[in-house]
Amino acid sequence: QKVGKWTENHYNTIMRKKIIQYRKDPYNEGFEPYEILATNYRYRRSEIDIIAKKDCFLIFVEVKTRSSVDFGMPEDAVNAAKSQKIIEGADQYLIDADWEGDIRFDIISIILRGRGAPEIHHFEDAIQ
């Protein structure tokens, strides 16, 4: 419960920090930041944690958090069944938004390390 609550309160912050890191990089002069369009989007039995837009992509993001890796890495929890639910929700969002451009499915993996800074990984185009 505590892990889920931490994630829910912080994943938008994580995306924004990623944006700031890119902006500070002098090689990303023309960088277009992520624009968060929706969070916790629900359709039937599907929930998408973040829907964002960046460049020409509409990006559907699944956020997974673990307090330890004893039972595997957070990103490994996005199995075929979970992927199918995400895709089902994304299909409906595409219809609702009348989106005809490119799409991508990302995973943000968060490992909480006690009181230290969390370990965060962003896997782009992680769900096929």
C-alpha atoms as a PDB file:
ATOM      1  CA  GLN A   1       0.000   0.000   0.000  1.00  0.00           C
ATOM      2  CA  LYS A   2       2.701   2.490   0.977  1.00  0.00           C
ATOM      3  CA  VAL A   3       4.703   1.738  -2.177  1.00  0.00           C
ATOM      4  CA  GLY A   4       1.673   2.290  -4.400  1.00  0.00           C
ATOM      5  CA  LYS A   5       0.822   5.560  -2.666  1.00  0.00           C
ATOM      6  CA  TRP A   6       4.401   6.829  -3.060  1.00  0.00           C
ATOM      7  CA  THR A   7       4.312   5.989  -6.756  1.00  0.00           C
ATOM      8  CA  GLU A   8       0.941   7.605  -7.307  1.00  0.00           C
ATOM      9  CA  ASN A   9       2.140  10.824  -5.679  1.00  0.00           C
ATOM     10  CA  HIS A  10       5.481  10.999  -7.486  1.00  0.00           C
ATOM     11  CA  TYR A  11       5.444   9.662 -11.039  1.00  0.00           C
ATOM     12  CA  ASN A  12       4.499  13.014 -12.554  1.00  0.00           C
ATOM     13  CA  THR A  13       7.444  14.508 -10.671  1.00  0.00           C
ATOM     14  CA  ILE A  14       9.689  11.824 -12.147  1.00  0.00           C
ATOM     15  CA  MET A  15       8.604  12.701 -15.689  1.00  0.00           C
ATOM     16  CA  ARG A  16       9.140  16.413 -15.001  1.00  0.00           C
ATOM     17  CA  LYS A  17      12.630  15.763 -13.583  1.00  0.00           C
ATOM     18  CA  LYS A  18      13.440  13.827 -16.740  1.00  0.00           C
ATOM     19  CA  ILE A  19      12.353  16.863 -18.749  1.00  0.00           C
ATOM     20  CA  ILE A  20      14.595  19.165 -16.692  1.00  0.00           C
ATOM     21  CA  GLN A  21      17.584  16.825 -17.186  1.00  0.00           C
ATOM     22  CA  TYR A  22      17.091  16.941 -20.947  1.00  0.00           C
ATOM     23  CA  ARG A  23      16.766  20.710 -20.958  1.00  0.00           C
ATOM     24  CA  LYS A  24      20.080  21.068 -19.118  1.00  0.00           C
ATOM     25  CA  ASP A  25      21.834  18.956 -21.740  1.00  0.00           C
ATOM     26  CA  PRO A  26      23.368  21.375 -24.295  1.00  0.00           C
ATOM     27  CA  TYR A  27      23.060  18.720 -27.027  1.00  0.00           C
ATOM     28  CA  ASN A  28      19.261  18.761 -26.758  1.00  0.00           C
ATOM     29  CA  GLU A  29      18.833  22.302 -28.019  1.00  0.00           C
ATOM     30  CA  GLY A  30      15.605  21.560 -29.891  1.00  0.00           C
ATOM     31  CA  PHE A  31      14.205  19.304 -27.161  1.00  0.00           C
ATOM     32  CA  GLU A  32      10.444  19.232 -26.901  1.00  0.00           C
ATOM     33  CA  PRO A  33       9.380  18.277 -23.365  1.00  0.00           C
ATOM     34  CA  TYR A  34       6.795  15.694 -22.386  1.00  0.00           C
ATOM     35  CA  GLU A  35       3.319  17.140 -22.127  1.00  0.00           C
ATOM     36  CA  ILE A  36       1.284  15.091 -19.664  1.00  0.00           C
ATOM     37  CA  LEU A  37      -2.230  14.759 -21.050  1.00  0.00           C
ATOM     38  CA  ALA A  38      -3.785  12.361 -18.535  1.00  0.00           C
ATOM     39  CA  THR A  39      -2.975  10.298 -15.477  1.00  0.00           C
ATOM     40  CA  ASN A  40      -4.770   7.198 -14.236  1.00  0.00           C
ATOM     41  CA  TYR A  41      -6.824   6.950 -17.437  1.00  0.00           C
ATOM     42  CA  ARG A  42      -9.388   4.173 -17.090  1.00  0.00           C
ATOM     43  CA  TYR A  43     -11.305   2.204 -19.679  1.00  0.00           C
ATOM     44  CA  ARG A  44     -13.151  -0.934 -18.617  1.00  0.00           C
ATOM     45  CA  ARG A  45     -10.532  -3.077 -16.827  1.00  0.00           C
ATOM     46  CA  SER A  46      -7.609  -1.072 -18.180  1.00  0.00           C
ATOM     47  CA  GLU A  47      -5.732   1.687 -16.386  1.00  0.00           C
ATOM     48  CA  ILE A  48      -2.922   3.695 -17.940  1.00  0.00           C
ATOM     49  CA  ASP A  49      -0.752   5.522 -15.424  1.00  0.00           C
ATOM     50  CA  ILE A  50       0.423   8.362 -17.687  1.00  0.00           C
ATOM     51  CA  ILE A  51      -0.540   9.484 -21.159  1.00  0.00           C
ATOM     52  CA  ALA A  52       1.916  12.025 -22.516  1.00  0.00           C
ATOM     53  CA  LYS A  53       2.839  13.696 -25.766  1.00  0.00           C
ATOM     54  CA  LYS A  54       6.408  14.270 -26.905  1.00  0.00           C
ATOM     55  CA  ASP A  55       7.531  15.297 -30.364  1.00  0.00           C
ATOM     56  CA  CYS A  56       5.175  13.462 -32.736  1.00  0.00           C
ATOM     57  CA  PHE A  57       4.417  10.612 -30.298  1.00  0.00           C
ATOM     58  CA  LEU A  58       1.520   9.907 -28.012  1.00  0.00           C
ATOM     59  CA  ILE A  59       3.079   7.873 -25.193  1.00  0.00           C
ATOM     60  CA  PHE A  60       1.299   5.471 -22.878  1.00  0.00           C
ATOM     61  CA  VAL A  61       3.353   4.915 -19.713  1.00  0.00           C
ATOM     62  CA  GLU A  62       3.045   2.117 -17.180  1.00  0.00           C
ATOM     63  CA  VAL A  63       4.740   2.856 -13.851  1.00  0.00           C
ATOM     64  CA  LYS A  64       5.859  -0.084 -11.695  1.00  0.00           C
ATOM     65  CA  THR A  65       7.362   0.270  -8.235  1.00  0.00           C
ATOM     66  CA  ARG A  66       8.982  -2.229  -5.873  1.00  0.00           C
ATOM     67  CA  SER A  67      10.454  -1.787  -2.426  1.00  0.00           C
ATOM     68  CA  SER A  68      12.933  -4.581  -3.204  1.00  0.00           C
ATOM     69  CA  VAL A  69      13.863  -6.822  -6.108  1.00  0.00           C
ATOM     70  CA  ASP A  70      13.377 -10.026  -4.114  1.00  0.00           C
ATOM     71  CA  PHE A  71      10.483 -10.985  -6.382  1.00  0.00           C
ATOM     72  CA  GLY A  72      11.890  -9.542  -9.600  1.00  0.00           C
ATOM     73  CA  MET A  73      12.404  -6.208 -11.267  1.00  0.00           C
ATOM     74  CA  PRO A  74       9.414  -3.846 -11.424  1.00  0.00           C
ATOM     75  CA  GLU A  75       9.336  -3.817 -15.223  1.00  0.00           C
ATOM     76  CA  ASP A  76       9.012  -7.620 -15.266  1.00  0.00           C
ATOM     77  CA  ALA A  77       5.535  -7.240 -13.751  1.00  0.00           C
ATOM     78  CA  VAL A  78       4.310  -5.929 -17.106  1.00  0.00           C
ATOM     79  CA  ASN A  79       3.454  -9.341 -18.526  1.00  0.00           C
ATOM     80  CA  ALA A  80       1.428 -10.243 -21.614  1.00  0.00           C
ATOM     81  CA  ALA A  81      -1.924  -9.916 -19.819  1.00  0.00           C
ATOM     82  CA  LYS A  82      -1.031  -6.492 -18.378  1.00  0.00           C
ATOM     83  CA  SER A  83       0.294  -5.354 -21.761  1.00  0.00           C
ATOM     84  CA  GLN A  84      -2.974  -6.400 -23.412  1.00  0.00           C
ATOM     85  CA  LYS A  85      -5.001  -4.357 -20.905  1.00  0.00           C
ATOM     86  CA  ILE A  86      -2.795  -1.317 -21.512  1.00  0.00           C
ATOM     87  CA  ILE A  87      -3.202  -1.689 -25.276  1.00  0.00           C
ATOM     88  CA  GLU A  88      -6.982  -2.020 -24.882  1.00  0.00           C
ATOM     89  CA  GLY A  89      -7.112   1.234 -22.907  1.00  0.00           C
ATOM     90  CA  ALA A  90      -4.787   2.940 -25.381  1.00  0.00           C
ATOM     91  CA  ASP A  91      -7.004   1.897 -28.296  1.00  0.00           C
ATOM     92  CA  GLN A  92      -9.980   3.586 -26.648  1.00  0.00           C
ATOM     93  CA  TYR A  93      -7.973   6.714 -25.825  1.00  0.00           C
ATOM     94  CA  LEU A  94      -6.861   6.930 -29.464  1.00  0.00           C
ATOM     95  CA  ILE A  95     -10.493   6.832 -30.552  1.00  0.00           C
ATOM     96  CA  ASP A  96     -11.562   9.418 -27.946  1.00  0.00           C
ATOM     97  CA  ALA A  97      -8.673  11.754 -28.819  1.00  0.00           C
ATOM     98  CA  ASP A  98      -9.008  11.177 -32.568  1.00  0.00           C
ATOM     99  CA  TRP A  99      -5.225  10.588 -32.657  1.00  0.00           C
ATOM    100  CA  GLU A 100      -3.772   9.435 -35.963  1.00  0.00           C
ATOM    101  CA  GLY A 101      -0.071   9.960 -35.266  1.00  0.00           C
ATOM    102  CA  ASP A 102       2.631   7.691 -33.889  1.00  0.00           C
ATOM    103  CA  ILE A 103       2.273   5.990 -30.524  1.00  0.00           C
ATOM    104  CA  ARG A 104       4.672   4.391 -28.069  1.00  0.00           C
ATOM    105  CA  PHE A 105       4.363   2.305 -24.909  1.00  0.00           C
ATOM    106  CA  ASP A 106       6.918   3.024 -22.156  1.00  0.00           C
ATOM    107  CA  ILE A 107       7.584   1.596 -18.721  1.00  0.00           C
ATOM    108  CA  ILE A 108       8.970   3.544 -15.781  1.00  0.00           C
ATOM    109  CA  SER A 109      10.556   1.194 -13.257  1.00  0.00           C
ATOM    110  CA  ILE A 110      11.113   2.430  -9.701  1.00  0.00           C
ATOM    111  CA  ILE A 111      12.984   0.609  -6.955  1.00  0.00           C
ATOM    112  CA  LEU A 112      12.727   2.190  -3.528  1.00  0.00           C
ATOM    113  CA  ARG A 113      15.975   1.815  -1.609  1.00  0.00           C
ATOM    114  CA  GLY A 114      15.105   2.512   2.025  1.00  0.00           C
ATOM    115  CA  ARG A 115      15.564   6.185   2.801  1.00  0.00           C
ATOM    116  CA  GLY A 116      17.901   6.731  -0.139  1.00  0.00           C
ATOM    117  CA  ALA A 117      17.000   8.065  -3.547  1.00  0.00           C
ATOM    118  CA  PRO A 118      14.863   5.691  -5.601  1.00  0.00           C
ATOM    119  CA  GLU A 119      16.419   3.917  -8.570  1.00  0.00           C
ATOM    120  CA  ILE A 120      14.457   4.971 -11.643  1.00  0.00           C
ATOM    121  CA  HIS A 121      14.648   3.564 -15.158  1.00  0.00           C
ATOM    122  CA  HIS A 122      12.648   4.706 -18.174  1.00  0.00           C
ATOM    123  CA  PHE A 123      12.213   2.046 -20.866  1.00  0.00           C
ATOM    124  CA  GLU A 124      11.023   3.574 -24.105  1.00  0.00           C
ATOM    125  CA  ASP A 125       8.983   1.510 -26.567  1.00  0.00           C
ATOM    126  CA  ALA A 126       8.913  -1.333 -24.019  1.00  0.00           C
ATOM    127  CA  ILE A 127       5.596  -2.897 -24.990  1.00  0.00           C
ATOM    128  CA  GLN A 128       5.202  -4.196 -28.508  1.00  0.00           C
END
